[in-house]
Amino acid sequence: MRPYLLTAGALFLGCVLAALLGLYLIGLALFPVPVAFYMARGHTREAKGLVACAALAGVCVAWVPMTGLGVWQAALSGAVVASVGLPLGYGILHRWTYGWTVTAMAVIAGALVIGGAVVTWPQWVAHWDAQYDLLLTQQLKLQEEAGDSAERIRVNTEILRAVKEAWPKIGLGLTMFALLVVTCAGLSFAAGWMRRRFEIEGLRGSFKTMRTSEWLIWVVIAVALVWYVDRKWFDSSWSVVTMNAAIGLAAIYWLNGFSVLLYALSNLRPPFFVYLAIVVMLVMFRLHPVLCCVGLFDTWSDFRRIVDGVIEKRRQAAETNSNDE
């Protein structure tokens, strides 16, 4: 019991201190892995206790002016972030597949985040408007101090204002994008750490072998049809729904494309300059959206099977050469 109480106390203090430094979300990110650890070892009460601890930390953090959250909002955000560890630990305990565990975590966290935003939609939009106004003021001050030209300041100001105006149409989608990326990263880290440190076998499969379900393509088609009908006959009155949904779906297929890329690189093991060229193209030339297309077309092509075929041909060729010698 003593190690558990020390863990809960350390997490609580870490979260509060992070909030005082203006890093409340990072402080909350301390909770999911310990929650998953206790859940994976069958200690359900202890895992739920850490979720309650996160909510209590949120109550204390609500008194920090820079968070801009009410008591109930801060407590709910703490409980939501910490509870992501529950399906993670449950999936490890019952040896779910990697893909199903990611789905469970994303659905639970996404439903809570989207539900909270929808219920408090006016406050949510007003909060982000205020954040963008603050960012715009800081950006202008920094550029003026740096001596940037008037034209550059004007362009950057227009970009920020355009993002502010479009935020209701893209904000939830981008939030889901970040949530999915953090979910996969956290799941891979937690499952690998428990396997190495505590010899908990855990999940079946990995991020590299995770593949998007084929039925999801029908959701893509439905969103595209609604977007087209809304744009043609209803003056884009449903654009808040269709645009956010499109970004969320793009996030899913981007992750699938990234997993295909990792699977290919880890199995084909190309020369170092190929790795370097891929990083340059994805980062410097900003071609990473191509991964969305890779993930989408993987629905029909199954690129991992193609990679396996290439590996098998290499193996057969190597065996033929060895026999000839």
C-alpha atoms as a PDB file:
ATOM      1  CA  MET A   1       0.000   0.000   0.000  1.00  0.00           C
ATOM      2  CA  ARG A   2       2.844   2.393   0.789  1.00  0.00           C
ATOM      3  CA  PRO A   3       4.324   2.371  -2.766  1.00  0.00           C
ATOM      4  CA  TYR A   4       0.824   2.996  -4.129  1.00  0.00           C
ATOM      5  CA  LEU A   5       0.280   6.006  -1.832  1.00  0.00           C
ATOM      6  CA  LEU A   6       3.703   7.387  -2.745  1.00  0.00           C
ATOM      7  CA  THR A   7       2.856   6.971  -6.444  1.00  0.00           C
ATOM      8  CA  ALA A   8      -0.490   8.735  -6.055  1.00  0.00           C
ATOM      9  CA  GLY A   9       1.114  11.555  -4.052  1.00  0.00           C
ATOM     10  CA  ALA A  10       3.919  12.022  -6.584  1.00  0.00           C
ATOM     11  CA  LEU A  11       1.453  12.148  -9.480  1.00  0.00           C
ATOM     12  CA  PHE A  12      -0.762  14.637  -7.636  1.00  0.00           C
ATOM     13  CA  LEU A  13       2.138  16.971  -6.814  1.00  0.00           C
ATOM     14  CA  GLY A  14       3.600  16.608 -10.314  1.00  0.00           C
ATOM     15  CA  CYS A  15       0.295  17.587 -11.896  1.00  0.00           C
ATOM     16  CA  VAL A  16      -0.173  20.621  -9.643  1.00  0.00           C
ATOM     17  CA  LEU A  17       3.406  21.810 -10.150  1.00  0.00           C
ATOM     18  CA  ALA A  18       3.052  21.397 -13.942  1.00  0.00           C
ATOM     19  CA  ALA A  19      -0.123  23.514 -13.828  1.00  0.00           C
ATOM     20  CA  LEU A  20       1.714  26.235 -11.893  1.00  0.00           C
ATOM     21  CA  LEU A  21       4.278  26.281 -14.708  1.00  0.00           C
ATOM     22  CA  GLY A  22       1.499  26.552 -17.303  1.00  0.00           C
ATOM     23  CA  LEU A  23       1.857  22.887 -18.354  1.00  0.00           C
ATOM     24  CA  TYR A  24      -1.392  21.440 -17.034  1.00  0.00           C
ATOM     25  CA  LEU A  25      -1.932  19.004 -19.925  1.00  0.00           C
ATOM     26  CA  ILE A  26       1.600  17.658 -19.532  1.00  0.00           C
ATOM     27  CA  GLY A  27       0.899  17.188 -15.834  1.00  0.00           C
ATOM     28  CA  LEU A  28      -2.227  15.196 -16.639  1.00  0.00           C
ATOM     29  CA  ALA A  29      -0.230  13.073 -19.095  1.00  0.00           C
ATOM     30  CA  LEU A  30       1.605  11.604 -16.071  1.00  0.00           C
ATOM     31  CA  PHE A  31      -1.470   9.607 -15.045  1.00  0.00           C
ATOM     32  CA  PRO A  32      -2.491   7.194 -17.872  1.00  0.00           C
ATOM     33  CA  VAL A  33       0.571   4.899 -17.738  1.00  0.00           C
ATOM     34  CA  PRO A  34       0.428   4.292 -13.935  1.00  0.00           C
ATOM     35  CA  VAL A  35      -3.341   3.744 -14.234  1.00  0.00           C
ATOM     36  CA  ALA A  36      -2.707   1.209 -17.008  1.00  0.00           C
ATOM     37  CA  PHE A  37       0.012  -0.485 -14.948  1.00  0.00           C
ATOM     38  CA  TYR A  38      -2.290  -1.175 -11.996  1.00  0.00           C
ATOM     39  CA  MET A  39      -5.125  -2.193 -14.328  1.00  0.00           C
ATOM     40  CA  ALA A  40      -2.844  -4.589 -16.230  1.00  0.00           C
ATOM     41  CA  ARG A  41      -1.900  -6.320 -12.966  1.00  0.00           C
ATOM     42  CA  GLY A  42      -5.532  -6.767 -11.994  1.00  0.00           C
ATOM     43  CA  HIS A  43      -5.576  -4.029  -9.333  1.00  0.00           C
ATOM     44  CA  THR A  44      -8.778  -2.360 -10.507  1.00  0.00           C
ATOM     45  CA  ARG A  45      -9.459  -0.401  -7.310  1.00  0.00           C
ATOM     46  CA  GLU A  46      -5.987   1.104  -7.294  1.00  0.00           C
ATOM     47  CA  ALA A  47      -6.334   2.103 -10.956  1.00  0.00           C
ATOM     48  CA  LYS A  48      -9.676   3.800 -10.305  1.00  0.00           C
ATOM     49  CA  GLY A  49      -8.143   5.466  -7.255  1.00  0.00           C
ATOM     50  CA  LEU A  50      -5.528   7.136  -9.470  1.00  0.00           C
ATOM     51  CA  VAL A  51      -8.311   8.392 -11.742  1.00  0.00           C
ATOM     52  CA  ALA A  52      -9.955   9.952  -8.666  1.00  0.00           C
ATOM     53  CA  CYS A  53      -6.557  11.393  -7.716  1.00  0.00           C
ATOM     54  CA  ALA A  54      -6.326  13.045 -11.147  1.00  0.00           C
ATOM     55  CA  ALA A  55      -9.799  14.550 -10.685  1.00  0.00           C
ATOM     56  CA  LEU A  56      -8.766  15.859  -7.244  1.00  0.00           C
ATOM     57  CA  ALA A  57      -5.635  17.370  -8.747  1.00  0.00           C
ATOM     58  CA  GLY A  58      -7.896  19.074 -11.294  1.00  0.00           C
ATOM     59  CA  VAL A  59      -9.948  20.600  -8.471  1.00  0.00           C
ATOM     60  CA  CYS A  60      -6.782  22.074  -6.977  1.00  0.00           C
ATOM     61  CA  VAL A  61      -5.524  23.208 -10.372  1.00  0.00           C
ATOM     62  CA  ALA A  62      -8.791  25.102 -10.972  1.00  0.00           C
ATOM     63  CA  TRP A  63      -7.502  27.722  -8.529  1.00  0.00           C
ATOM     64  CA  VAL A  64      -4.507  28.400 -10.781  1.00  0.00           C
ATOM     65  CA  PRO A  65      -5.528  31.477 -12.845  1.00  0.00           C
ATOM     66  CA  MET A  66      -3.527  30.585 -15.975  1.00  0.00           C
ATOM     67  CA  THR A  67      -5.460  27.349 -16.607  1.00  0.00           C
ATOM     68  CA  GLY A  68      -8.676  29.258 -17.277  1.00  0.00           C
ATOM     69  CA  LEU A  69     -10.793  26.290 -16.134  1.00  0.00           C
ATOM     70  CA  GLY A  70     -13.638  26.041 -13.660  1.00  0.00           C
ATOM     71  CA  VAL A  71     -13.639  23.484 -10.858  1.00  0.00           C
ATOM     72  CA  TRP A  72     -15.859  21.001 -12.671  1.00  0.00           C
ATOM     73  CA  GLN A  73     -14.045  21.459 -15.991  1.00  0.00           C
ATOM     74  CA  ALA A  74     -10.631  20.903 -14.402  1.00  0.00           C
ATOM     75  CA  ALA A  75     -11.825  17.867 -12.421  1.00  0.00           C
ATOM     76  CA  LEU A  76     -13.477  16.360 -15.489  1.00  0.00           C
ATOM     77  CA  SER A  77     -10.410  16.940 -17.670  1.00  0.00           C
ATOM     78  CA  GLY A  78      -8.230  15.226 -15.051  1.00  0.00           C
ATOM     79  CA  ALA A  79     -10.534  12.218 -14.813  1.00  0.00           C
ATOM     80  CA  VAL A  80     -10.869  11.962 -18.607  1.00  0.00           C
ATOM     81  CA  VAL A  81      -7.122  11.985 -19.305  1.00  0.00           C
ATOM     82  CA  ALA A  82      -6.336   9.531 -16.497  1.00  0.00           C
ATOM     83  CA  SER A  83      -9.172   7.172 -17.477  1.00  0.00           C
ATOM     84  CA  VAL A  84      -7.504   6.609 -20.864  1.00  0.00           C
ATOM     85  CA  GLY A  85      -5.222   4.251 -18.951  1.00  0.00           C
ATOM     86  CA  LEU A  86      -8.156   1.982 -17.981  1.00  0.00           C
ATOM     87  CA  PRO A  87      -8.803   0.426 -21.433  1.00  0.00           C
ATOM     88  CA  LEU A  88      -5.041   0.342 -22.005  1.00  0.00           C
ATOM     89  CA  GLY A  89      -4.456  -1.721 -18.868  1.00  0.00           C
ATOM     90  CA  TYR A  90      -7.544  -3.861 -19.486  1.00  0.00           C
ATOM     91  CA  GLY A  91      -6.364  -4.617 -23.028  1.00  0.00           C
ATOM     92  CA  ILE A  92      -2.908  -5.615 -21.773  1.00  0.00           C
ATOM     93  CA  LEU A  93      -4.434  -7.781 -19.024  1.00  0.00           C
ATOM     94  CA  HIS A  94      -6.705  -9.658 -21.442  1.00  0.00           C
ATOM     95  CA  ARG A  95      -4.237  -9.666 -24.356  1.00  0.00           C
ATOM     96  CA  TRP A  96      -6.278  -7.653 -26.804  1.00  0.00           C
ATOM     97  CA  THR A  97      -4.808  -6.821 -30.181  1.00  0.00           C
ATOM     98  CA  TYR A  98      -2.967  -3.528 -30.526  1.00  0.00           C
ATOM     99  CA  GLY A  99      -5.588  -2.170 -32.924  1.00  0.00           C
ATOM    100  CA  TRP A 100      -8.563  -2.973 -30.676  1.00  0.00           C
ATOM    101  CA  THR A 101      -6.848  -1.380 -27.686  1.00  0.00           C
ATOM    102  CA  VAL A 102      -6.125   1.813 -29.625  1.00  0.00           C
ATOM    103  CA  THR A 103      -9.746   1.847 -30.794  1.00  0.00           C
ATOM    104  CA  ALA A 104     -11.100   1.450 -27.264  1.00  0.00           C
ATOM    105  CA  MET A 105      -8.839   4.177 -25.875  1.00  0.00           C
ATOM    106  CA  ALA A 106      -9.594   6.590 -28.729  1.00  0.00           C
ATOM    107  CA  VAL A 107     -13.359   5.982 -28.625  1.00  0.00           C
ATOM    108  CA  ILE A 108     -13.595   6.555 -24.873  1.00  0.00           C
ATOM    109  CA  ALA A 109     -11.346   9.621 -24.804  1.00  0.00           C
ATOM    110  CA  GLY A 110     -12.766  11.000 -28.066  1.00  0.00           C
ATOM    111  CA  ALA A 111     -16.374  10.603 -26.934  1.00  0.00           C
ATOM    112  CA  LEU A 112     -15.645  12.443 -23.698  1.00  0.00           C
ATOM    113  CA  VAL A 113     -13.704  15.236 -25.413  1.00  0.00           C
ATOM    114  CA  ILE A 114     -16.205  15.717 -28.244  1.00  0.00           C
ATOM    115  CA  GLY A 115     -19.175  15.354 -25.903  1.00  0.00           C
ATOM    116  CA  GLY A 116     -17.741  17.963 -23.560  1.00  0.00           C
ATOM    117  CA  ALA A 117     -17.046  20.349 -26.450  1.00  0.00           C
ATOM    118  CA  VAL A 118     -20.552  19.926 -27.891  1.00  0.00           C
ATOM    119  CA  VAL A 119     -22.246  20.480 -24.516  1.00  0.00           C
ATOM    120  CA  THR A 120     -20.169  23.600 -23.859  1.00  0.00           C
ATOM    121  CA  TRP A 121     -19.831  24.673 -27.508  1.00  0.00           C
ATOM    122  CA  PRO A 122     -20.191  28.482 -27.037  1.00  0.00           C
ATOM    123  CA  GLN A 123     -17.702  28.473 -24.146  1.00  0.00           C
ATOM    124  CA  TRP A 124     -15.369  26.176 -26.096  1.00  0.00           C
ATOM    125  CA  VAL A 125     -15.338  28.486 -29.131  1.00  0.00           C
ATOM    126  CA  ALA A 126     -14.947  31.575 -26.930  1.00  0.00           C
ATOM    127  CA  HIS A 127     -12.026  29.961 -25.078  1.00  0.00           C
ATOM    128  CA  TRP A 128     -10.130  29.265 -28.297  1.00  0.00           C
ATOM    129  CA  ASP A 129     -10.945  32.716 -29.672  1.00  0.00           C
ATOM    130  CA  ALA A 130      -9.363  34.206 -26.570  1.00  0.00           C
ATOM    131  CA  GLN A 131      -6.336  31.921 -26.956  1.00  0.00           C
ATOM    132  CA  TYR A 132      -5.836  32.994 -30.566  1.00  0.00           C
ATOM    133  CA  ASP A 133      -6.187  36.674 -29.644  1.00  0.00           C
ATOM    134  CA  LEU A 134      -3.494  36.184 -27.004  1.00  0.00           C
ATOM    135  CA  LEU A 135      -1.281  34.302 -29.474  1.00  0.00           C
ATOM    136  CA  LEU A 136      -1.767  37.023 -32.083  1.00  0.00           C
ATOM    137  CA  THR A 137      -0.764  39.732 -29.604  1.00  0.00           C
ATOM    138  CA  GLN A 138       2.343  37.815 -28.559  1.00  0.00           C
ATOM    139  CA  GLN A 139       3.263  37.064 -32.185  1.00  0.00           C
ATOM    140  CA  LEU A 140       3.003  40.729 -33.180  1.00  0.00           C
ATOM    141  CA  LYS A 141       5.122  41.782 -30.212  1.00  0.00           C
ATOM    142  CA  LEU A 142       7.834  39.225 -30.980  1.00  0.00           C
ATOM    143  CA  GLN A 143       7.961  40.147 -34.675  1.00  0.00           C
ATOM    144  CA  GLU A 144       8.156  43.861 -33.935  1.00  0.00           C
ATOM    145  CA  GLU A 145      10.989  43.258 -31.462  1.00  0.00           C
ATOM    146  CA  ALA A 146      12.782  41.104 -34.041  1.00  0.00           C
ATOM    147  CA  GLY A 147      12.435  43.878 -36.642  1.00  0.00           C
ATOM    148  CA  ASP A 148      10.433  41.872 -39.192  1.00  0.00           C
ATOM    149  CA  SER A 149       9.107  43.658 -42.251  1.00  0.00           C
ATOM    150  CA  ALA A 150       5.567  45.022 -42.312  1.00  0.00           C
ATOM    151  CA  GLU A 151       4.649  42.614 -45.114  1.00  0.00           C
ATOM    152  CA  ARG A 152       5.755  39.561 -43.163  1.00  0.00           C
ATOM    153  CA  ILE A 153       3.880  40.741 -40.083  1.00  0.00           C
ATOM    154  CA  ARG A 154       0.751  41.258 -42.216  1.00  0.00           C
ATOM    155  CA  VAL A 155       0.971  37.763 -43.744  1.00  0.00           C
ATOM    156  CA  ASN A 156       1.436  36.044 -40.381  1.00  0.00           C
ATOM    157  CA  THR A 157      -1.414  38.059 -38.897  1.00  0.00           C
ATOM    158  CA  GLU A 158      -3.750  37.038 -41.725  1.00  0.00           C
ATOM    159  CA  ILE A 159      -2.800  33.382 -41.285  1.00  0.00           C
ATOM    160  CA  LEU A 160      -3.592  33.444 -37.572  1.00  0.00           C
ATOM    161  CA  ARG A 161      -6.883  35.249 -38.164  1.00  0.00           C
ATOM    162  CA  ALA A 162      -7.850  32.736 -40.858  1.00  0.00           C
ATOM    163  CA  VAL A 163      -7.128  29.866 -38.459  1.00  0.00           C
ATOM    164  CA  LYS A 164      -9.175  31.608 -35.764  1.00  0.00           C
ATOM    165  CA  GLU A 165     -12.172  31.976 -38.090  1.00  0.00           C
ATOM    166  CA  ALA A 166     -11.908  28.363 -39.276  1.00  0.00           C
ATOM    167  CA  TRP A 167     -11.302  26.886 -35.823  1.00  0.00           C
ATOM    168  CA  PRO A 168     -14.905  25.723 -35.183  1.00  0.00           C
ATOM    169  CA  LYS A 169     -14.674  23.723 -38.446  1.00  0.00           C
ATOM    170  CA  ILE A 170     -11.263  22.190 -37.764  1.00  0.00           C
ATOM    171  CA  GLY A 171     -10.688  22.393 -34.001  1.00  0.00           C
ATOM    172  CA  LEU A 172     -12.295  19.120 -32.928  1.00  0.00           C
ATOM    173  CA  GLY A 173     -10.755  17.278 -35.874  1.00  0.00           C
ATOM    174  CA  LEU A 174      -7.264  18.517 -35.008  1.00  0.00           C
ATOM    175  CA  THR A 175      -7.894  17.636 -31.367  1.00  0.00           C
ATOM    176  CA  MET A 176      -8.781  14.086 -32.412  1.00  0.00           C
ATOM    177  CA  PHE A 177      -5.679  13.984 -34.635  1.00  0.00           C
ATOM    178  CA  ALA A 178      -3.455  14.850 -31.666  1.00  0.00           C
ATOM    179  CA  LEU A 179      -5.396  12.482 -29.411  1.00  0.00           C
ATOM    180  CA  LEU A 180      -4.865   9.526 -31.774  1.00  0.00           C
ATOM    181  CA  VAL A 181      -1.142  10.217 -32.151  1.00  0.00           C
ATOM    182  CA  VAL A 182      -0.674  10.529 -28.378  1.00  0.00           C
ATOM    183  CA  THR A 183      -2.771   7.389 -27.828  1.00  0.00           C
ATOM    184  CA  CYS A 184      -0.610   5.281 -30.148  1.00  0.00           C
ATOM    185  CA  ALA A 185       2.624   6.671 -28.711  1.00  0.00           C
ATOM    186  CA  GLY A 186       1.468   6.142 -25.134  1.00  0.00           C
ATOM    187  CA  LEU A 187       0.193   2.642 -25.867  1.00  0.00           C
ATOM    188  CA  SER A 188       3.445   1.572 -27.534  1.00  0.00           C
ATOM    189  CA  PHE A 189       5.516   2.994 -24.687  1.00  0.00           C
ATOM    190  CA  ALA A 190       3.383   1.525 -21.901  1.00  0.00           C
ATOM    191  CA  ALA A 191       3.068  -1.941 -23.450  1.00  0.00           C
ATOM    192  CA  GLY A 192       6.802  -2.104 -24.235  1.00  0.00           C
ATOM    193  CA  TRP A 193       7.818  -0.867 -20.776  1.00  0.00           C
ATOM    194  CA  MET A 194       5.604  -3.392 -18.973  1.00  0.00           C
ATOM    195  CA  ARG A 195       6.878  -6.192 -21.184  1.00  0.00           C
ATOM    196  CA  ARG A 196      10.527  -5.380 -20.518  1.00  0.00           C
ATOM    197  CA  ARG A 197      10.293  -4.299 -16.882  1.00  0.00           C
ATOM    198  CA  PHE A 198       7.676  -6.684 -15.479  1.00  0.00           C
ATOM    199  CA  GLU A 199       7.558  -9.433 -18.136  1.00  0.00           C
ATOM    200  CA  ILE A 200       3.849  -8.774 -18.780  1.00  0.00           C
ATOM    201  CA  GLU A 201       3.197 -10.297 -22.210  1.00  0.00           C
ATOM    202  CA  GLY A 202       0.417  -7.835 -22.894  1.00  0.00           C
ATOM    203  CA  LEU A 203      -0.942  -6.904 -26.288  1.00  0.00           C
ATOM    204  CA  ARG A 204      -0.928  -8.993 -29.420  1.00  0.00           C
ATOM    205  CA  GLY A 205       0.613  -7.213 -32.365  1.00  0.00           C
ATOM    206  CA  SER A 206       2.211  -3.787 -32.534  1.00  0.00           C
ATOM    207  CA  PHE A 207       1.824  -0.389 -34.160  1.00  0.00           C
ATOM    208  CA  LYS A 208       3.620  -1.627 -37.271  1.00  0.00           C
ATOM    209  CA  THR A 209       1.114  -4.431 -37.816  1.00  0.00           C
ATOM    210  CA  MET A 210      -1.982  -2.392 -36.906  1.00  0.00           C
ATOM    211  CA  ARG A 211      -4.318  -2.059 -39.899  1.00  0.00           C
ATOM    212  CA  THR A 212      -7.411   0.085 -40.273  1.00  0.00           C
ATOM    213  CA  SER A 213     -10.661  -1.849 -40.558  1.00  0.00           C
ATOM    214  CA  GLU A 214     -12.042  -2.040 -44.093  1.00  0.00           C
ATOM    215  CA  TRP A 215     -15.525  -0.958 -43.016  1.00  0.00           C
ATOM    216  CA  LEU A 216     -14.206   2.499 -42.182  1.00  0.00           C
ATOM    217  CA  ILE A 217     -14.136   3.322 -45.892  1.00  0.00           C
ATOM    218  CA  TRP A 218     -17.937   3.501 -45.785  1.00  0.00           C
ATOM    219  CA  VAL A 219     -17.690   6.226 -43.165  1.00  0.00           C
ATOM    220  CA  VAL A 220     -15.331   8.113 -45.499  1.00  0.00           C
ATOM    221  CA  ILE A 221     -17.813   7.770 -48.360  1.00  0.00           C
ATOM    222  CA  ALA A 222     -20.705   8.908 -46.155  1.00  0.00           C
ATOM    223  CA  VAL A 223     -18.805  11.999 -44.947  1.00  0.00           C
ATOM    224  CA  ALA A 224     -17.835  12.860 -48.537  1.00  0.00           C
ATOM    225  CA  LEU A 225     -21.450  12.571 -49.712  1.00  0.00           C
ATOM    226  CA  VAL A 226     -22.760  14.723 -46.851  1.00  0.00           C
ATOM    227  CA  TRP A 227     -20.071  17.320 -47.598  1.00  0.00           C
ATOM    228  CA  TYR A 228     -20.990  17.392 -51.303  1.00  0.00           C
ATOM    229  CA  VAL A 229     -24.751  17.652 -50.697  1.00  0.00           C
ATOM    230  CA  ASP A 230     -24.260  20.284 -48.002  1.00  0.00           C
ATOM    231  CA  ARG A 231     -21.941  22.359 -50.201  1.00  0.00           C
ATOM    232  CA  LYS A 232     -24.196  22.151 -53.268  1.00  0.00           C
ATOM    233  CA  TRP A 233     -27.661  22.633 -51.774  1.00  0.00           C
ATOM    234  CA  PHE A 234     -27.384  23.779 -48.132  1.00  0.00           C
ATOM    235  CA  ASP A 235     -24.730  26.509 -48.299  1.00  0.00           C
ATOM    236  CA  SER A 236     -22.235  24.560 -46.136  1.00  0.00           C
ATOM    237  CA  SER A 237     -24.417  24.679 -43.043  1.00  0.00           C
ATOM    238  CA  TRP A 238     -23.037  21.262 -41.984  1.00  0.00           C
ATOM    239  CA  SER A 239     -19.411  22.178 -42.630  1.00  0.00           C
ATOM    240  CA  VAL A 240     -18.567  22.133 -38.902  1.00  0.00           C
ATOM    241  CA  VAL A 241     -19.498  18.440 -38.807  1.00  0.00           C
ATOM    242  CA  THR A 242     -18.074  17.357 -42.178  1.00  0.00           C
ATOM    243  CA  MET A 243     -14.745  19.201 -41.885  1.00  0.00           C
ATOM    244  CA  ASN A 244     -14.027  17.989 -38.365  1.00  0.00           C
ATOM    245  CA  ALA A 245     -15.040  14.439 -39.329  1.00  0.00           C
ATOM    246  CA  ALA A 246     -12.801  14.572 -42.413  1.00  0.00           C
ATOM    247  CA  ILE A 247      -9.781  15.642 -40.343  1.00  0.00           C
ATOM    248  CA  GLY A 248     -10.466  12.895 -37.796  1.00  0.00           C
ATOM    249  CA  LEU A 249     -10.645  10.272 -40.568  1.00  0.00           C
ATOM    250  CA  ALA A 250      -7.472  11.681 -42.144  1.00  0.00           C
ATOM    251  CA  ALA A 251      -5.744  11.173 -38.785  1.00  0.00           C
ATOM    252  CA  ILE A 252      -6.740   7.501 -38.744  1.00  0.00           C
ATOM    253  CA  TYR A 253      -5.462   6.880 -42.261  1.00  0.00           C
ATOM    254  CA  TRP A 254      -2.309   8.935 -41.627  1.00  0.00           C
ATOM    255  CA  LEU A 255      -1.454   6.668 -38.713  1.00  0.00           C
ATOM    256  CA  ASN A 256      -2.191   3.616 -40.848  1.00  0.00           C
ATOM    257  CA  GLY A 257       0.101   4.960 -43.564  1.00  0.00           C
ATOM    258  CA  PHE A 258       2.817   5.670 -41.008  1.00  0.00           C
ATOM    259  CA  SER A 259       2.520   2.128 -39.650  1.00  0.00           C
ATOM    260  CA  VAL A 260       2.864   0.759 -43.214  1.00  0.00           C
ATOM    261  CA  LEU A 261       6.010   2.847 -43.662  1.00  0.00           C
ATOM    262  CA  LEU A 262       7.526   1.560 -40.404  1.00  0.00           C
ATOM    263  CA  TYR A 263       6.602  -2.026 -41.320  1.00  0.00           C
ATOM    264  CA  ALA A 264       8.300  -1.685 -44.708  1.00  0.00           C
ATOM    265  CA  LEU A 265      11.450  -0.052 -43.319  1.00  0.00           C
ATOM    266  CA  SER A 266      11.844  -2.514 -40.446  1.00  0.00           C
ATOM    267  CA  ASN A 267      11.438  -5.556 -42.702  1.00  0.00           C
ATOM    268  CA  LEU A 268      13.115  -4.456 -45.935  1.00  0.00           C
ATOM    269  CA  ARG A 269      15.992  -2.732 -44.101  1.00  0.00           C
ATOM    270  CA  PRO A 270      17.065  -0.392 -46.920  1.00  0.00           C
ATOM    271  CA  PRO A 271      20.389   1.531 -46.919  1.00  0.00           C
ATOM    272  CA  PHE A 272      20.795   4.469 -44.574  1.00  0.00           C
ATOM    273  CA  PHE A 273      20.449   7.079 -47.317  1.00  0.00           C
ATOM    274  CA  VAL A 274      16.928   5.765 -48.028  1.00  0.00           C
ATOM    275  CA  TYR A 275      15.939   6.472 -44.410  1.00  0.00           C
ATOM    276  CA  LEU A 276      17.477   9.925 -44.704  1.00  0.00           C
ATOM    277  CA  ALA A 277      15.686  10.645 -48.003  1.00  0.00           C
ATOM    278  CA  ILE A 278      12.328   9.629 -46.519  1.00  0.00           C
ATOM    279  CA  VAL A 279      12.815  11.883 -43.481  1.00  0.00           C
ATOM    280  CA  VAL A 280      13.791  14.812 -45.733  1.00  0.00           C
ATOM    281  CA  MET A 281      10.765  14.329 -47.983  1.00  0.00           C
ATOM    282  CA  LEU A 282       8.304  13.952 -45.111  1.00  0.00           C
ATOM    283  CA  VAL A 283       9.630  16.791 -42.966  1.00  0.00           C
ATOM    284  CA  MET A 284      11.437  19.349 -45.092  1.00  0.00           C
ATOM    285  CA  PHE A 285       9.273  18.986 -48.205  1.00  0.00           C
ATOM    286  CA  ARG A 286       6.140  18.484 -46.091  1.00  0.00           C
ATOM    287  CA  LEU A 287       5.028  15.393 -47.970  1.00  0.00           C
ATOM    288  CA  HIS A 288       3.703  13.691 -44.830  1.00  0.00           C
ATOM    289  CA  PRO A 289       0.058  14.071 -46.029  1.00  0.00           C
ATOM    290  CA  VAL A 290       0.964  11.397 -48.591  1.00  0.00           C
ATOM    291  CA  LEU A 291       0.780   8.961 -45.673  1.00  0.00           C
ATOM    292  CA  CYS A 292      -2.997   9.583 -45.578  1.00  0.00           C
ATOM    293  CA  CYS A 293      -3.243   8.299 -49.158  1.00  0.00           C
ATOM    294  CA  VAL A 294      -1.043   5.305 -48.333  1.00  0.00           C
ATOM    295  CA  GLY A 295      -3.247   4.468 -45.356  1.00  0.00           C
ATOM    296  CA  LEU A 296      -6.431   4.888 -47.389  1.00  0.00           C
ATOM    297  CA  PHE A 297      -5.354   2.749 -50.345  1.00  0.00           C
ATOM    298  CA  ASP A 298      -4.018   0.115 -47.975  1.00  0.00           C
ATOM    299  CA  THR A 299      -7.702  -0.777 -47.562  1.00  0.00           C
ATOM    300  CA  TRP A 300      -7.598  -2.433 -50.980  1.00  0.00           C
ATOM    301  CA  SER A 301      -3.895  -3.032 -51.639  1.00  0.00           C
ATOM    302  CA  ASP A 302      -2.703  -4.412 -48.275  1.00  0.00           C
ATOM    303  CA  PHE A 303       0.834  -3.023 -48.663  1.00  0.00           C
ATOM    304  CA  ARG A 304       2.186  -5.167 -45.835  1.00  0.00           C
ATOM    305  CA  ARG A 305       1.354  -8.260 -47.869  1.00  0.00           C
ATOM    306  CA  ILE A 306       3.289  -6.750 -50.789  1.00  0.00           C
ATOM    307  CA  VAL A 307       6.268  -6.171 -48.472  1.00  0.00           C
ATOM    308  CA  ASP A 308       6.030  -9.780 -47.282  1.00  0.00           C
ATOM    309  CA  GLY A 309       6.022 -10.897 -50.916  1.00  0.00           C
ATOM    310  CA  VAL A 310       9.197  -8.929 -51.638  1.00  0.00           C
ATOM    311  CA  ILE A 311      10.890 -10.441 -48.594  1.00  0.00           C
ATOM    312  CA  GLU A 312       9.875 -13.953 -49.679  1.00  0.00           C
ATOM    313  CA  LYS A 313      11.292 -13.380 -53.171  1.00  0.00           C
ATOM    314  CA  ARG A 314      14.543 -12.164 -51.629  1.00  0.00           C
ATOM    315  CA  ARG A 315      14.706 -15.269 -49.467  1.00  0.00           C
ATOM    316  CA  GLN A 316      14.068 -17.566 -52.421  1.00  0.00           C
ATOM    317  CA  ALA A 317      16.696 -15.764 -54.495  1.00  0.00           C
ATOM    318  CA  ALA A 318      19.224 -16.074 -51.679  1.00  0.00           C
ATOM    319  CA  GLU A 319      18.480 -19.796 -51.346  1.00  0.00           C
ATOM    320  CA  THR A 320      18.864 -20.275 -55.121  1.00  0.00           C
ATOM    321  CA  ASN A 321      22.235 -18.481 -55.121  1.00  0.00           C
ATOM    322  CA  SER A 322      23.465 -20.552 -52.176  1.00  0.00           C
ATOM    323  CA  ASN A 323      22.436 -23.782 -53.904  1.00  0.00           C
ATOM    324  CA  ASP A 324      24.219 -22.773 -57.112  1.00  0.00           C
ATOM    325  CA  GLU A 325      27.400 -22.173 -55.162  1.00  0.00           C
END
